[in-house]
Amino acid sequence: MMYADLIDAEDFRERLVALGIDLPADADPDESARLAAQQHARSAVPGLSTLVAELGTQLGVMQPEVREALERRLRAALGETRSSNALLRK
């Protein structure tokens, strides 16, 4: 059963693409986050930090693989520490 509010791999990818990040159509959350972090390192991606902050408030409706990619790849790329993101460990 699918829920419209669920932040799944496709929704995560689409949100990153909306920021202008070039991602393969079949990119999984980890690959999407890795490529977004690489692009951000080359040239800051406007809106990425806002998106990461917004997603951080929606953990209850986020698939685990998206949450993991967000923590491992994007929060690190934005210089956020794990201790400041204790909610992501749930």
PDB file of N, CA and C in Angstrom:
ATOM      1  N   MET A   1       0.829  -1.168   0.000  1.00  0.00           N
ATOM      2  CA  MET A   1       0.000   0.000   0.000  1.00  0.00           C
ATOM      3  C   MET A   1       0.885   1.248   0.000  1.00  0.00           C
ATOM      4  N   MET A   2       0.639   2.171  -0.899  1.00  0.00           N
ATOM      5  CA  MET A   2       1.418   3.398  -1.003  1.00  0.00           C
ATOM      6  C   MET A   2       0.668   4.548  -0.332  1.00  0.00           C
ATOM      7  N   TYR A   3       1.423   5.392   0.296  1.00  0.00           N
ATOM      8  CA  TYR A   3       0.872   6.580   0.932  1.00  0.00           C
ATOM      9  C   TYR A   3       1.385   7.804   0.197  1.00  0.00           C
ATOM     10  N   ALA A   4       0.509   8.739  -0.122  1.00  0.00           N
ATOM     11  CA  ALA A   4       0.883   9.929  -0.873  1.00  0.00           C
ATOM     12  C   ALA A   4       1.906  10.781  -0.122  1.00  0.00           C
ATOM     13  N   ASP A   5       1.867  10.767   1.201  1.00  0.00           N
ATOM     14  CA  ASP A   5       2.741  11.620   1.986  1.00  0.00           C
ATOM     15  C   ASP A   5       4.132  11.024   2.191  1.00  0.00           C
ATOM     16  N   LEU A   6       4.315   9.769   1.870  1.00  0.00           N
ATOM     17  CA  LEU A   6       5.562   9.070   2.125  1.00  0.00           C
ATOM     18  C   LEU A   6       6.698   9.634   1.275  1.00  0.00           C
ATOM     19  N   ILE A   7       7.804   9.961   1.909  1.00  0.00           N
ATOM     20  CA  ILE A   7       8.984  10.413   1.176  1.00  0.00           C
ATOM     21  C   ILE A   7       9.785   9.174   0.820  1.00  0.00           C
ATOM     22  N   ASP A   8       9.614   8.752  -0.422  1.00  0.00           N
ATOM     23  CA  ASP A   8      10.301   7.558  -0.897  1.00  0.00           C
ATOM     24  C   ASP A   8      11.459   7.961  -1.807  1.00  0.00           C
ATOM     25  N   ALA A   9      12.105   6.981  -2.388  1.00  0.00           N
ATOM     26  CA  ALA A   9      13.278   7.224  -3.227  1.00  0.00           C
ATOM     27  C   ALA A   9      12.961   8.160  -4.384  1.00  0.00           C
ATOM     28  N   GLU A  10      11.832   7.963  -5.028  1.00  0.00           N
ATOM     29  CA  GLU A  10      11.472   8.786  -6.182  1.00  0.00           C
ATOM     30  C   GLU A  10      11.180  10.233  -5.766  1.00  0.00           C
ATOM     31  N   ASP A  11      10.467  10.405  -4.669  1.00  0.00           N
ATOM     32  CA  ASP A  11      10.173  11.748  -4.184  1.00  0.00           C
ATOM     33  C   ASP A  11      11.466  12.476  -3.807  1.00  0.00           C
ATOM     34  N   PHE A  12      12.356  11.784  -3.129  1.00  0.00           N
ATOM     35  CA  PHE A  12      13.655  12.344  -2.741  1.00  0.00           C
ATOM     36  C   PHE A  12      14.428  12.780  -3.976  1.00  0.00           C
ATOM     37  N   ARG A  13      14.495  11.914  -4.965  1.00  0.00           N
ATOM     38  CA  ARG A  13      15.189  12.209  -6.211  1.00  0.00           C
ATOM     39  C   ARG A  13      14.568  13.417  -6.904  1.00  0.00           C
ATOM     40  N   GLU A  14      13.248  13.443  -6.987  1.00  0.00           N
ATOM     41  CA  GLU A  14      12.549  14.546  -7.655  1.00  0.00           C
ATOM     42  C   GLU A  14      12.809  15.882  -6.957  1.00  0.00           C
ATOM     43  N   ARG A  15      12.870  15.873  -5.637  1.00  0.00           N
ATOM     44  CA  ARG A  15      13.149  17.111  -4.899  1.00  0.00           C
ATOM     45  C   ARG A  15      14.553  17.619  -5.194  1.00  0.00           C
ATOM     46  N   LEU A  16      15.506  16.704  -5.333  1.00  0.00           N
ATOM     47  CA  LEU A  16      16.873  17.103  -5.669  1.00  0.00           C
ATOM     48  C   LEU A  16      16.957  17.616  -7.103  1.00  0.00           C
ATOM     49  N   VAL A  17      16.279  16.951  -8.017  1.00  0.00           N
ATOM     50  CA  VAL A  17      16.258  17.377  -9.421  1.00  0.00           C
ATOM     51  C   VAL A  17      15.627  18.769  -9.529  1.00  0.00           C
ATOM     52  N   ALA A  18      14.610  19.050  -8.730  1.00  0.00           N
ATOM     53  CA  ALA A  18      13.954  20.360  -8.750  1.00  0.00           C
ATOM     54  C   ALA A  18      14.923  21.485  -8.369  1.00  0.00           C
ATOM     55  N   LEU A  19      15.996  21.142  -7.666  1.00  0.00           N
ATOM     56  CA  LEU A  19      17.019  22.121  -7.312  1.00  0.00           C
ATOM     57  C   LEU A  19      18.055  22.293  -8.426  1.00  0.00           C
ATOM     58  N   GLY A  20      17.896  21.521  -9.504  1.00  0.00           N
ATOM     59  CA  GLY A  20      18.825  21.616 -10.621  1.00  0.00           C
ATOM     60  C   GLY A  20      19.942  20.592 -10.590  1.00  0.00           C
ATOM     61  N   ILE A  21      19.822  19.610  -9.723  1.00  0.00           N
ATOM     62  CA  ILE A  21      20.842  18.558  -9.619  1.00  0.00           C
ATOM     63  C   ILE A  21      20.545  17.497 -10.672  1.00  0.00           C
ATOM     64  N   ASP A  22      21.549  17.179 -11.462  1.00  0.00           N
ATOM     65  CA  ASP A  22      21.398  16.192 -12.530  1.00  0.00           C
ATOM     66  C   ASP A  22      21.567  14.794 -11.956  1.00  0.00           C
ATOM     67  N   LEU A  23      20.503  14.004 -12.000  1.00  0.00           N
ATOM     68  CA  LEU A  23      20.520  12.645 -11.456  1.00  0.00           C
ATOM     69  C   LEU A  23      19.954  11.663 -12.459  1.00  0.00           C
ATOM     70  N   PRO A  24      20.492  10.439 -12.494  1.00  0.00           N
ATOM     71  CA  PRO A  24      19.905   9.404 -13.353  1.00  0.00           C
ATOM     72  C   PRO A  24      18.474   9.079 -12.907  1.00  0.00           C
ATOM     73  N   ALA A  25      17.652   8.701 -13.845  1.00  0.00           N
ATOM     74  CA  ALA A  25      16.253   8.397 -13.548  1.00  0.00           C
ATOM     75  C   ALA A  25      16.107   7.240 -12.569  1.00  0.00           C
ATOM     76  N   ASP A  26      17.070   6.336 -12.556  1.00  0.00           N
ATOM     77  CA  ASP A  26      16.976   5.160 -11.689  1.00  0.00           C
ATOM     78  C   ASP A  26      17.852   5.265 -10.432  1.00  0.00           C
ATOM     79  N   ALA A  27      18.289   6.472 -10.102  1.00  0.00           N
ATOM     80  CA  ALA A  27      19.173   6.653  -8.944  1.00  0.00           C
ATOM     81  C   ALA A  27      18.454   6.297  -7.646  1.00  0.00           C
ATOM     82  N   ASP A  28      19.123   5.492  -6.811  1.00  0.00           N
ATOM     83  CA  ASP A  28      18.563   5.173  -5.495  1.00  0.00           C
ATOM     84  C   ASP A  28      18.888   6.333  -4.548  1.00  0.00           C
ATOM     85  N   PRO A  29      18.331   6.341  -3.341  1.00  0.00           N
ATOM     86  CA  PRO A  29      18.564   7.466  -2.431  1.00  0.00           C
ATOM     87  C   PRO A  29      20.037   7.735  -2.144  1.00  0.00           C
ATOM     88  N   ASP A  30      20.830   6.681  -1.948  1.00  0.00           N
ATOM     89  CA  ASP A  30      22.240   6.896  -1.644  1.00  0.00           C
ATOM     90  C   ASP A  30      22.962   7.533  -2.822  1.00  0.00           C
ATOM     91  N   GLU A  31      22.719   7.033  -4.018  1.00  0.00           N
ATOM     92  CA  GLU A  31      23.351   7.602  -5.209  1.00  0.00           C
ATOM     93  C   GLU A  31      22.888   9.038  -5.432  1.00  0.00           C
ATOM     94  N   SER A  32      21.600   9.289  -5.252  1.00  0.00           N
ATOM     95  CA  SER A  32      21.068  10.649  -5.407  1.00  0.00           C
ATOM     96  C   SER A  32      21.746  11.602  -4.436  1.00  0.00           C
ATOM     97  N   ALA A  33      21.845  11.205  -3.184  1.00  0.00           N
ATOM     98  CA  ALA A  33      22.466  12.055  -2.163  1.00  0.00           C
ATOM     99  C   ALA A  33      23.958  12.235  -2.436  1.00  0.00           C
ATOM    100  N   ARG A  34      24.622  11.172  -2.864  1.00  0.00           N
ATOM    101  CA  ARG A  34      26.061  11.254  -3.161  1.00  0.00           C
ATOM    102  C   ARG A  34      26.317  12.225  -4.302  1.00  0.00           C
ATOM    103  N   LEU A  35      25.546  12.112  -5.367  1.00  0.00           N
ATOM    104  CA  LEU A  35      25.721  12.996  -6.512  1.00  0.00           C
ATOM    105  C   LEU A  35      25.363  14.439  -6.167  1.00  0.00           C
ATOM    106  N   ALA A  36      24.338  14.627  -5.352  1.00  0.00           N
ATOM    107  CA  ALA A  36      23.970  15.970  -4.910  1.00  0.00           C
ATOM    108  C   ALA A  36      25.087  16.580  -4.072  1.00  0.00           C
ATOM    109  N   ALA A  37      25.674  15.782  -3.192  1.00  0.00           N
ATOM    110  CA  ALA A  37      26.778  16.264  -2.351  1.00  0.00           C
ATOM    111  C   ALA A  37      27.984  16.627  -3.209  1.00  0.00           C
ATOM    112  N   GLN A  38      28.279  15.825  -4.227  1.00  0.00           N
ATOM    113  CA  GLN A  38      29.400  16.123  -5.118  1.00  0.00           C
ATOM    114  C   GLN A  38      29.168  17.428  -5.866  1.00  0.00           C
ATOM    115  N   GLN A  39      27.957  17.606  -6.373  1.00  0.00           N
ATOM    116  CA  GLN A  39      27.651  18.830  -7.102  1.00  0.00           C
ATOM    117  C   GLN A  39      27.732  20.034  -6.161  1.00  0.00           C
ATOM    118  N   HIS A  40      27.247  19.872  -4.943  1.00  0.00           N
ATOM    119  CA  HIS A  40      27.292  20.957  -3.965  1.00  0.00           C
ATOM    120  C   HIS A  40      28.738  21.319  -3.621  1.00  0.00           C
ATOM    121  N   ALA A  41      29.617  20.332  -3.571  1.00  0.00           N
ATOM    122  CA  ALA A  41      31.027  20.583  -3.275  1.00  0.00           C
ATOM    123  C   ALA A  41      31.703  21.370  -4.403  1.00  0.00           C
ATOM    124  N   ARG A  42      31.297  21.113  -5.638  1.00  0.00           N
ATOM    125  CA  ARG A  42      31.867  21.827  -6.790  1.00  0.00           C
ATOM    126  C   ARG A  42      31.354  23.257  -6.862  1.00  0.00           C
ATOM    127  N   SER A  43      30.065  23.415  -6.629  1.00  0.00           N
ATOM    128  CA  SER A  43      29.422  24.722  -6.716  1.00  0.00           C
ATOM    129  C   SER A  43      28.154  24.650  -5.870  1.00  0.00           C
ATOM    130  N   ALA A  44      28.089  25.478  -4.857  1.00  0.00           N
ATOM    131  CA  ALA A  44      26.961  25.423  -3.917  1.00  0.00           C
ATOM    132  C   ALA A  44      25.626  25.351  -4.646  1.00  0.00           C
ATOM    133  N   VAL A  45      24.789  24.434  -4.230  1.00  0.00           N
ATOM    134  CA  VAL A  45      23.466  24.250  -4.820  1.00  0.00           C
ATOM    135  C   VAL A  45      22.467  25.091  -4.024  1.00  0.00           C
ATOM    136  N   PRO A  46      21.935  26.148  -4.638  1.00  0.00           N
ATOM    137  CA  PRO A  46      20.955  26.966  -3.928  1.00  0.00           C
ATOM    138  C   PRO A  46      19.745  26.130  -3.516  1.00  0.00           C
ATOM    139  N   GLY A  47      19.352  26.269  -2.273  1.00  0.00           N
ATOM    140  CA  GLY A  47      18.177  25.574  -1.772  1.00  0.00           C
ATOM    141  C   GLY A  47      18.455  24.215  -1.158  1.00  0.00           C
ATOM    142  N   LEU A  48      19.659  23.685  -1.328  1.00  0.00           N
ATOM    143  CA  LEU A  48      19.941  22.347  -0.804  1.00  0.00           C
ATOM    144  C   LEU A  48      19.865  22.322   0.714  1.00  0.00           C
ATOM    145  N   SER A  49      20.437  23.303   1.356  1.00  0.00           N
ATOM    146  CA  SER A  49      20.403  23.295   2.816  1.00  0.00           C
ATOM    147  C   SER A  49      18.982  23.471   3.337  1.00  0.00           C
ATOM    148  N   THR A  50      18.169  24.258   2.646  1.00  0.00           N
ATOM    149  CA  THR A  50      16.759  24.419   3.028  1.00  0.00           C
ATOM    150  C   THR A  50      16.006  23.098   2.860  1.00  0.00           C
ATOM    151  N   LEU A  51      16.263  22.402   1.755  1.00  0.00           N
ATOM    152  CA  LEU A  51      15.618  21.112   1.521  1.00  0.00           C
ATOM    153  C   LEU A  51      16.005  20.112   2.599  1.00  0.00           C
ATOM    154  N   VAL A  52      17.280  20.039   2.930  1.00  0.00           N
ATOM    155  CA  VAL A  52      17.751  19.101   3.951  1.00  0.00           C
ATOM    156  C   VAL A  52      17.087  19.419   5.291  1.00  0.00           C
ATOM    157  N   ALA A  53      16.990  20.690   5.627  1.00  0.00           N
ATOM    158  CA  ALA A  53      16.333  21.088   6.877  1.00  0.00           C
ATOM    159  C   ALA A  53      14.855  20.706   6.859  1.00  0.00           C
ATOM    160  N   GLU A  54      14.193  20.933   5.735  1.00  0.00           N
ATOM    161  CA  GLU A  54      12.775  20.583   5.600  1.00  0.00           C
ATOM    162  C   GLU A  54      12.573  19.071   5.737  1.00  0.00           C
ATOM    163  N   LEU A  55      13.406  18.315   5.048  1.00  0.00           N
ATOM    164  CA  LEU A  55      13.289  16.855   5.137  1.00  0.00           C
ATOM    165  C   LEU A  55      13.542  16.367   6.561  1.00  0.00           C
ATOM    166  N   GLY A  56      14.419  17.051   7.274  1.00  0.00           N
ATOM    167  CA  GLY A  56      14.706  16.683   8.653  1.00  0.00           C
ATOM    168  C   GLY A  56      13.506  16.810   9.576  1.00  0.00           C
ATOM    169  N   THR A  57      12.521  17.585   9.168  1.00  0.00           N
ATOM    170  CA  THR A  57      11.301  17.727   9.972  1.00  0.00           C
ATOM    171  C   THR A  57      10.243  16.689   9.596  1.00  0.00           C
ATOM    172  N   GLN A  58      10.529  15.873   8.596  1.00  0.00           N
ATOM    173  CA  GLN A  58       9.543  14.919   8.078  1.00  0.00           C
ATOM    174  C   GLN A  58       9.995  13.469   8.237  1.00  0.00           C
ATOM    175  N   LEU A  59      10.779  13.214   9.261  1.00  0.00           N
ATOM    176  CA  LEU A  59      11.343  11.878   9.444  1.00  0.00           C
ATOM    177  C   LEU A  59      10.288  10.796   9.619  1.00  0.00           C
ATOM    178  N   GLY A  60       9.151  11.145  10.176  1.00  0.00           N
ATOM    179  CA  GLY A  60       8.099  10.161  10.421  1.00  0.00           C
ATOM    180  C   GLY A  60       7.485   9.588   9.159  1.00  0.00           C
ATOM    181  N   VAL A  61       7.627  10.297   8.048  1.00  0.00           N
ATOM    182  CA  VAL A  61       7.057   9.819   6.787  1.00  0.00           C
ATOM    183  C   VAL A  61       8.137   9.538   5.745  1.00  0.00           C
ATOM    184  N   MET A  62       9.358   9.306   6.215  1.00  0.00           N
ATOM    185  CA  MET A  62      10.485   9.076   5.327  1.00  0.00           C
ATOM    186  C   MET A  62      10.912   7.606   5.366  1.00  0.00           C
ATOM    187  N   GLN A  63      11.112   7.031   4.195  1.00  0.00           N
ATOM    188  CA  GLN A  63      11.606   5.662   4.146  1.00  0.00           C
ATOM    189  C   GLN A  63      13.010   5.607   4.749  1.00  0.00           C
ATOM    190  N   PRO A  64      13.341   4.510   5.409  1.00  0.00           N
ATOM    191  CA  PRO A  64      14.642   4.396   6.076  1.00  0.00           C
ATOM    192  C   PRO A  64      15.835   4.637   5.162  1.00  0.00           C
ATOM    193  N   GLU A  65      15.785   4.165   3.916  1.00  0.00           N
ATOM    194  CA  GLU A  65      16.926   4.357   3.019  1.00  0.00           C
ATOM    195  C   GLU A  65      17.104   5.829   2.637  1.00  0.00           C
ATOM    196  N   VAL A  66      16.022   6.573   2.604  1.00  0.00           N
ATOM    197  CA  VAL A  66      16.114   8.012   2.340  1.00  0.00           C
ATOM    198  C   VAL A  66      16.711   8.711   3.559  1.00  0.00           C
ATOM    199  N   ARG A  67      16.258   8.348   4.739  1.00  0.00           N
ATOM    200  CA  ARG A  67      16.791   8.926   5.977  1.00  0.00           C
ATOM    201  C   ARG A  67      18.290   8.663   6.095  1.00  0.00           C
ATOM    202  N   GLU A  68      18.704   7.453   5.788  1.00  0.00           N
ATOM    203  CA  GLU A  68      20.127   7.092   5.850  1.00  0.00           C
ATOM    204  C   GLU A  68      20.945   7.910   4.858  1.00  0.00           C
ATOM    205  N   ALA A  69      20.465   8.056   3.637  1.00  0.00           N
ATOM    206  CA  ALA A  69      21.176   8.840   2.626  1.00  0.00           C
ATOM    207  C   ALA A  69      21.260  10.307   3.038  1.00  0.00           C
ATOM    208  N   LEU A  70      20.185  10.809   3.590  1.00  0.00           N
ATOM    209  CA  LEU A  70      20.163  12.194   4.060  1.00  0.00           C
ATOM    210  C   LEU A  70      21.229  12.412   5.120  1.00  0.00           C
ATOM    211  N   GLU A  71      21.304  11.503   6.066  1.00  0.00           N
ATOM    212  CA  GLU A  71      22.283  11.636   7.152  1.00  0.00           C
ATOM    213  C   GLU A  71      23.707  11.419   6.658  1.00  0.00           C
ATOM    214  N   ARG A  72      23.935  10.339   5.970  1.00  0.00           N
ATOM    215  CA  ARG A  72      25.300   9.970   5.569  1.00  0.00           C
ATOM    216  C   ARG A  72      25.894  10.903   4.530  1.00  0.00           C
ATOM    217  N   ARG A  73      25.096  11.341   3.606  1.00  0.00           N
ATOM    218  CA  ARG A  73      25.639  12.093   2.463  1.00  0.00           C
ATOM    219  C   ARG A  73      25.389  13.596   2.545  1.00  0.00           C
ATOM    220  N   LEU A  74      24.136  13.985   2.688  1.00  0.00           N
ATOM    221  CA  LEU A  74      23.818  15.403   2.558  1.00  0.00           C
ATOM    222  C   LEU A  74      24.126  16.210   3.806  1.00  0.00           C
ATOM    223  N   ARG A  75      23.808  15.682   4.953  1.00  0.00           N
ATOM    224  CA  ARG A  75      24.135  16.441   6.174  1.00  0.00           C
ATOM    225  C   ARG A  75      25.651  16.599   6.290  1.00  0.00           C
ATOM    226  N   ALA A  76      26.396  15.588   5.938  1.00  0.00           N
ATOM    227  CA  ALA A  76      27.857  15.671   5.971  1.00  0.00           C
ATOM    228  C   ALA A  76      28.354  16.696   4.950  1.00  0.00           C
ATOM    229  N   ALA A  77      27.775  16.710   3.759  1.00  0.00           N
ATOM    230  CA  ALA A  77      28.179  17.645   2.718  1.00  0.00           C
ATOM    231  C   ALA A  77      27.910  19.091   3.112  1.00  0.00           C
ATOM    232  N   LEU A  78      26.907  19.283   3.940  1.00  0.00           N
ATOM    233  CA  LEU A  78      26.557  20.632   4.386  1.00  0.00           C
ATOM    234  C   LEU A  78      27.276  21.008   5.672  1.00  0.00           C
ATOM    235  N   GLY A  79      28.125  20.100   6.150  1.00  0.00           N
ATOM    236  CA  GLY A  79      28.921  20.387   7.335  1.00  0.00           C
ATOM    237  C   GLY A  79      28.165  20.242   8.641  1.00  0.00           C
ATOM    238  N   GLU A  80      27.040  19.562   8.608  1.00  0.00           N
ATOM    239  CA  GLU A  80      26.277  19.346   9.833  1.00  0.00           C
ATOM    240  C   GLU A  80      26.822  18.124  10.548  1.00  0.00           C
ATOM    241  N   THR A  81      26.873  18.193  11.850  1.00  0.00           N
ATOM    242  CA  THR A  81      27.411  17.078  12.623  1.00  0.00           C
ATOM    243  C   THR A  81      26.305  16.131  13.051  1.00  0.00           C
ATOM    244  N   ARG A  82      26.700  14.922  13.279  1.00  0.00           N
ATOM    245  CA  ARG A  82      25.766  13.890  13.708  1.00  0.00           C
ATOM    246  C   ARG A  82      25.134  14.236  15.051  1.00  0.00           C
ATOM    247  N   SER A  83      25.913  14.820  15.957  1.00  0.00           N
ATOM    248  CA  SER A  83      25.370  15.143  17.277  1.00  0.00           C
ATOM    249  C   SER A  83      24.273  16.195  17.207  1.00  0.00           C
ATOM    250  N   SER A  84      24.316  17.057  16.179  1.00  0.00           N
ATOM    251  CA  SER A  84      23.265  18.066  16.049  1.00  0.00           C
ATOM    252  C   SER A  84      22.031  17.511  15.373  1.00  0.00           C
ATOM    253  N   ASN A  85      22.091  16.237  14.968  1.00  0.00           N
ATOM    254  CA  ASN A  85      20.983  15.621  14.261  1.00  0.00           C
ATOM    255  C   ASN A  85      20.562  14.312  14.908  1.00  0.00           C
ATOM    256  N   ALA A  86      20.405  14.331  16.205  1.00  0.00           N
ATOM    257  CA  ALA A  86      20.085  13.123  16.945  1.00  0.00           C
ATOM    258  C   ALA A  86      18.794  12.471  16.470  1.00  0.00           C
ATOM    259  N   LEU A  87      17.858  13.245  15.952  1.00  0.00           N
ATOM    260  CA  LEU A  87      16.593  12.674  15.503  1.00  0.00           C
ATOM    261  C   LEU A  87      16.787  11.718  14.342  1.00  0.00           C
ATOM    262  N   LEU A  88      17.812  11.909  13.553  1.00  0.00           N
ATOM    263  CA  LEU A  88      18.029  11.033  12.395  1.00  0.00           C
ATOM    264  C   LEU A  88      18.447   9.624  12.796  1.00  0.00           C
ATOM    265  N   ARG A  89      18.852   9.448  14.020  1.00  0.00           N
ATOM    266  CA  ARG A  89      19.301   8.111  14.452  1.00  0.00           C
ATOM    267  C   ARG A  89      18.154   7.181  14.756  1.00  0.00           C
ATOM    268  N   LYS A  90      16.947   7.673  14.751  1.00  0.00           N
ATOM    269  CA  LYS A  90      15.782   6.830  15.071  1.00  0.00           C
ATOM    270  C   LYS A  90      15.601   5.758  14.040  1.00  0.00           C
TER     271      LYS A  90
END
